C-alpha atoms as a PDB file:
ATOM      1  CA  MET A   1     -43.518   5.807 -98.408  1.00  0.00           C
ATOM      2  CA  PRO A   2     -46.435   5.242 -95.984  1.00  0.00           C
ATOM      3  CA  THR A   3     -45.734   3.878 -92.513  1.00  0.00           C
ATOM      4  CA  THR A   4     -47.576   0.665 -93.368  1.00  0.00           C
ATOM      5  CA  SER A   5     -45.097   0.075 -96.183  1.00  0.00           C
ATOM      6  CA  TYR A   6     -42.188   0.501 -93.767  1.00  0.00           C
ATOM      7  CA  ALA A   7     -43.844  -1.946 -91.377  1.00  0.00           C
ATOM      8  CA  PHE A   8     -44.385  -4.473 -94.167  1.00  0.00           C
ATOM      9  CA  VAL A   9     -40.792  -4.271 -95.396  1.00  0.00           C
ATOM     10  CA  MET A  10     -39.469  -4.718 -91.851  1.00  0.00           C
ATOM     11  CA  LEU A  11     -41.863  -7.612 -91.244  1.00  0.00           C
ATOM     12  CA  CYS A  12     -40.447  -9.279 -94.352  1.00  0.00           C
ATOM     13  CA  ALA A  13     -36.911  -8.606 -93.125  1.00  0.00           C
ATOM     14  CA  GLY A  14     -37.832 -10.184 -89.789  1.00  0.00           C
ATOM     15  CA  ILE A  15     -39.290 -13.219 -91.537  1.00  0.00           C
ATOM     16  CA  GLY A  16     -36.016 -13.527 -93.427  1.00  0.00           C
ATOM     17  CA  ILE A  17     -33.791 -13.692 -90.328  1.00  0.00           C
ATOM     18  CA  PRO A  18     -34.733 -17.245 -89.249  1.00  0.00           C
ATOM     19  CA  ILE A  19     -34.741 -18.356 -92.882  1.00  0.00           C
ATOM     20  CA  LEU A  20     -31.234 -16.894 -93.297  1.00  0.00           C
ATOM     21  CA  ALA A  21     -30.142 -18.703 -90.129  1.00  0.00           C
ATOM     22  CA  ALA A  22     -31.541 -22.059 -91.247  1.00  0.00           C
ATOM     23  CA  LEU A  23     -30.234 -21.804 -94.806  1.00  0.00           C
ATOM     24  CA  ASN A  24     -26.732 -20.694 -93.860  1.00  0.00           C
ATOM     25  CA  ALA A  25     -26.480 -23.246 -91.059  1.00  0.00           C
ATOM     26  CA  ALA A  26     -27.517 -25.973 -93.529  1.00  0.00           C
ATOM     27  CA  LEU A  27     -25.006 -24.711 -96.096  1.00  0.00           C
ATOM     28  CA  GLY A  28     -22.278 -24.692 -93.433  1.00  0.00           C
ATOM     29  CA  GLY A  29     -23.125 -28.282 -92.521  1.00  0.00           C
ATOM     30  CA  ARG A  30     -23.263 -29.402 -96.132  1.00  0.00           C
ATOM     31  CA  ILE A  31     -19.904 -27.908 -97.109  1.00  0.00           C
ATOM     32  CA  GLY A  32     -18.332 -28.666 -93.730  1.00  0.00           C
ATOM     33  CA  SER A  33     -17.456 -25.105 -92.777  1.00  0.00           C
ATOM     34  CA  PRO A  34     -19.694 -22.501 -91.147  1.00  0.00           C
ATOM     35  CA  VAL A  35     -17.044 -19.871 -91.901  1.00  0.00           C
ATOM     36  CA  ALA A  36     -16.973 -20.764 -95.619  1.00  0.00           C
ATOM     37  CA  ALA A  37     -20.794 -20.645 -95.671  1.00  0.00           C
ATOM     38  CA  SER A  38     -20.649 -17.172 -94.155  1.00  0.00           C
ATOM     39  CA  VAL A  39     -18.117 -16.023 -96.745  1.00  0.00           C
ATOM     40  CA  VAL A  40     -20.426 -17.275 -99.514  1.00  0.00           C
ATOM     41  CA  LEU A  41     -23.376 -15.493 -97.886  1.00  0.00           C
ATOM     42  CA  PHE A  42     -21.449 -12.210 -97.711  1.00  0.00           C
ATOM     43  CA  ALA A  43     -20.253 -12.531-101.316  1.00  0.00           C
ATOM     44  CA  ILE A  44     -23.853 -12.959-102.476  1.00  0.00           C
ATOM     45  CA  ALA A  45     -25.052 -10.178-100.160  1.00  0.00           C
ATOM     46  CA  PHE A  46     -22.355  -7.829-101.464  1.00  0.00           C
ATOM     47  CA  THR A  47     -23.222  -8.633-105.065  1.00  0.00           C
ATOM     48  CA  SER A  48     -26.936  -8.088-104.365  1.00  0.00           C
ATOM     49  CA  ALA A  49     -26.367  -4.769-102.568  1.00  0.00           C
ATOM     50  CA  LEU A  50     -24.012  -3.593-105.309  1.00  0.00           C
ATOM     51  CA  ALA A  51     -26.603  -4.446-107.983  1.00  0.00           C
ATOM     52  CA  VAL A  52     -29.300  -2.473-106.131  1.00  0.00           C
ATOM     53  CA  TYR A  53     -26.863   0.420-105.729  1.00  0.00           C
ATOM     54  CA  LEU A  54     -25.935   0.461-109.407  1.00  0.00           C
ATOM     55  CA  ILE A  55     -29.431  -0.148-110.782  1.00  0.00           C
ATOM     56  CA  GLY A  56     -30.965   2.398-108.426  1.00  0.00           C
ATOM     57  CA  GLY A  57     -28.547   5.092-109.462  1.00  0.00           C
ATOM     58  CA  PHE A  58     -27.715   5.913-105.863  1.00  0.00           C
ATOM     59  CA  LYS A  59     -24.878   8.336-105.321  1.00  0.00           C
ATOM     60  CA  ALA A  60     -22.781   8.562-102.179  1.00  0.00           C
ATOM     61  CA  GLN A  61     -23.087  12.026-100.658  1.00  0.00           C
ATOM     62  CA  ALA A  62     -19.647  11.874 -99.081  1.00  0.00           C
ATOM     63  CA  SER A  63     -16.664   9.588 -98.965  1.00  0.00           C
ATOM     64  CA  VAL A  64     -16.701   6.589 -96.664  1.00  0.00           C
ATOM     65  CA  LEU A  65     -13.211   7.705 -95.688  1.00  0.00           C
ATOM     66  CA  ASP A  66     -14.719  10.884 -94.209  1.00  0.00           C
ATOM     67  CA  ALA A  67     -17.258   8.993 -92.077  1.00  0.00           C
ATOM     68  CA  PRO A  68     -16.567   8.480 -88.370  1.00  0.00           C
ATOM     69  CA  LYS A  69     -14.797   5.143 -88.015  1.00  0.00           C
ATOM     70  CA  HIS A  70     -17.199   3.843 -85.340  1.00  0.00           C
ATOM     71  CA  LEU A  71     -19.947   3.756 -87.981  1.00  0.00           C
ATOM     72  CA  LEU A  72     -18.048   0.983 -89.759  1.00  0.00           C
ATOM     73  CA  LEU A  73     -18.610  -1.250 -86.719  1.00  0.00           C
ATOM     74  CA  ALA A  74     -21.912  -2.228 -88.352  1.00  0.00           C
ATOM     75  CA  GLY A  75     -19.961  -4.461 -90.751  1.00  0.00           C
ATOM     76  CA  VAL A  76     -18.267  -6.234 -87.847  1.00  0.00           C
ATOM     77  CA  LEU A  77     -21.625  -6.682 -86.102  1.00  0.00           C
ATOM     78  CA  ILE A  78     -23.302  -8.256 -89.127  1.00  0.00           C
ATOM     79  CA  ALA A  79     -20.318 -10.586 -89.555  1.00  0.00           C
ATOM     80  CA  PHE A  80     -20.574 -11.535 -85.863  1.00  0.00           C
ATOM     81  CA  TYR A  81     -24.291 -12.214 -86.245  1.00  0.00           C
ATOM     82  CA  VAL A  82     -23.937 -14.345 -89.372  1.00  0.00           C
ATOM     83  CA  LEU A  83     -20.935 -16.292 -88.079  1.00  0.00           C
ATOM     84  CA  SER A  84     -22.521 -16.909 -84.660  1.00  0.00           C
ATOM     85  CA  ILE A  85     -25.924 -17.953 -86.038  1.00  0.00           C
ATOM     86  CA  THR A  86     -24.266 -20.225 -88.606  1.00  0.00           C
ATOM     87  CA  PHE A  87     -22.180 -21.946 -85.904  1.00  0.00           C
ATOM     88  CA  ILE A  88     -24.789 -22.073 -83.145  1.00  0.00           C
ATOM     89  CA  ALA A  89     -28.143 -22.700 -84.874  1.00  0.00           C
ATOM     90  CA  PRO A  90     -27.355 -26.331 -85.808  1.00  0.00           C
ATOM     91  CA  LYS A  91     -26.408 -27.118 -82.201  1.00  0.00           C
ATOM     92  CA  PHE A  92     -28.893 -24.901 -80.312  1.00  0.00           C
ATOM     93  CA  GLY A  93     -31.799 -24.856 -82.773  1.00  0.00           C
ATOM     94  CA  VAL A  94     -32.778 -22.080 -85.156  1.00  0.00           C
ATOM     95  CA  GLY A  95     -35.720 -21.099 -82.957  1.00  0.00           C
ATOM     96  CA  ASN A  96     -33.632 -20.877 -79.799  1.00  0.00           C
ATOM     97  CA  ALA A  97     -30.891 -18.913 -81.540  1.00  0.00           C
ATOM     98  CA  VAL A  98     -33.275 -16.451 -83.176  1.00  0.00           C
ATOM     99  CA  PHE A  99     -35.311 -15.975 -80.000  1.00  0.00           C
ATOM    100  CA  PHE A 100     -32.189 -14.957 -78.087  1.00  0.00           C
ATOM    101  CA  VAL A 101     -31.207 -12.676 -80.966  1.00  0.00           C
ATOM    102  CA  LEU A 102     -34.670 -11.122 -80.651  1.00  0.00           C
ATOM    103  CA  LEU A 103     -34.181 -10.605 -76.917  1.00  0.00           C
ATOM    104  CA  GLY A 104     -30.857  -8.880 -77.593  1.00  0.00           C
ATOM    105  CA  GLN A 105     -32.523  -6.715 -80.239  1.00  0.00           C
ATOM    106  CA  LEU A 106     -35.210  -5.620 -77.792  1.00  0.00           C
ATOM    107  CA  ILE A 107     -32.620  -4.606 -75.213  1.00  0.00           C
ATOM    108  CA  SER A 108     -30.310  -2.778 -77.598  1.00  0.00           C
ATOM    109  CA  ALA A 109     -33.159  -1.087 -79.502  1.00  0.00           C
ATOM    110  CA  ALA A 110     -34.582   0.253 -76.238  1.00  0.00           C
ATOM    111  CA  MET A 111     -31.165   1.643 -75.239  1.00  0.00           C
ATOM    112  CA  ILE A 112     -30.515   3.175 -78.671  1.00  0.00           C
ATOM    113  CA  ASP A 113     -33.937   4.828 -78.723  1.00  0.00           C
ATOM    114  CA  HIS A 114     -33.785   5.994 -75.094  1.00  0.00           C
ATOM    115  CA  PHE A 115     -30.422   7.701 -75.424  1.00  0.00           C
ATOM    116  CA  GLY A 116     -30.644   8.600 -79.132  1.00  0.00           C
ATOM    117  CA  LEU A 117     -27.420   6.703 -79.772  1.00  0.00           C
ATOM    118  CA  PHE A 118     -25.761   6.894 -83.200  1.00  0.00           C
ATOM    119  CA  GLY A 119     -28.053   9.751 -84.216  1.00  0.00           C
ATOM    120  CA  ALA A 120     -31.291   7.825 -83.692  1.00  0.00           C
ATOM    121  CA  GLN A 121     -34.476   9.657 -82.830  1.00  0.00           C
ATOM    122  CA  ILE A 122     -34.904   9.819 -79.044  1.00  0.00           C
ATOM    123  CA  ASN A 123     -37.830   7.783 -77.747  1.00  0.00           C
ATOM    124  CA  PRO A 124     -37.539   7.627 -73.939  1.00  0.00           C
ATOM    125  CA  LEU A 125     -38.023   4.321 -72.182  1.00  0.00           C
ATOM    126  CA  SER A 126     -41.323   4.849 -70.389  1.00  0.00           C
ATOM    127  CA  MET A 127     -42.804   2.397 -67.937  1.00  0.00           C
ATOM    128  CA  THR A 128     -45.289   1.346 -70.625  1.00  0.00           C
ATOM    129  CA  ARG A 129     -42.498   0.661 -73.116  1.00  0.00           C
ATOM    130  CA  ALA A 130     -40.419  -1.145 -70.513  1.00  0.00           C
ATOM    131  CA  GLY A 131     -43.461  -3.249 -69.627  1.00  0.00           C
ATOM    132  CA  GLY A 132     -44.007  -4.100 -73.286  1.00  0.00           C
ATOM    133  CA  ILE A 133     -40.375  -5.122 -73.662  1.00  0.00           C
ATOM    134  CA  ALA A 134     -40.611  -7.232 -70.494  1.00  0.00           C
ATOM    135  CA  LEU A 135     -43.786  -8.867 -71.839  1.00  0.00           C
ATOM    136  CA  MET A 136     -42.043  -9.637 -75.138  1.00  0.00           C
ATOM    137  CA  ALA A 137     -39.035 -11.023 -73.237  1.00  0.00           C
ATOM    138  CA  ALA A 138     -41.392 -13.214 -71.176  1.00  0.00           C
ATOM    139  CA  GLY A 139     -42.933 -14.429 -74.429  1.00  0.00           C
ATOM    140  CA  VAL A 140     -39.492 -15.296 -75.764  1.00  0.00           C
ATOM    141  CA  PHE A 141     -38.784 -17.194 -72.527  1.00  0.00           C
ATOM    142  CA  LEU A 142     -42.087 -19.078 -72.714  1.00  0.00           C
ATOM    143  CA  THR A 143     -41.463 -20.181 -76.286  1.00  0.00           C
ATOM    144  CA  GLN A 144     -38.296 -21.897 -75.113  1.00  0.00           C
ATOM    145  CA  GLN A 145     -40.063 -24.022 -72.504  1.00  0.00           C
ATOM    146  CA  ALA A 146     -40.620 -27.527 -73.781  1.00  0.00           C
END
């Protein structure tokens, strides 16, 4: 797949994050429970992922039971994200919530790349990269000024 295709798919995923936040927050408000809304979201997400897995004919190369247990933390992190955005977005604003998520993503992505954490490709944090991250963080800050 060409790099532009990867960029496009990730752009679409990024577009989906605030939409996910707004929709799930609204569902939580409508049914009176952010936790129940999150459970519904995960049930639909699981069903969708399972359908793609089955239709795509993907085969697991090894057992999940053989994987290092720290890799399963990803499930806890996505639950934390969905639960926190569903609770906080209605009170803090979807924009505010997502902008702070973005800031956290910039920080953690830079650390993961710099140290090659979790098997990621190492991409050292140069002064240019750090400056770009700082500029993006400043942009996030400026968007929050009314």
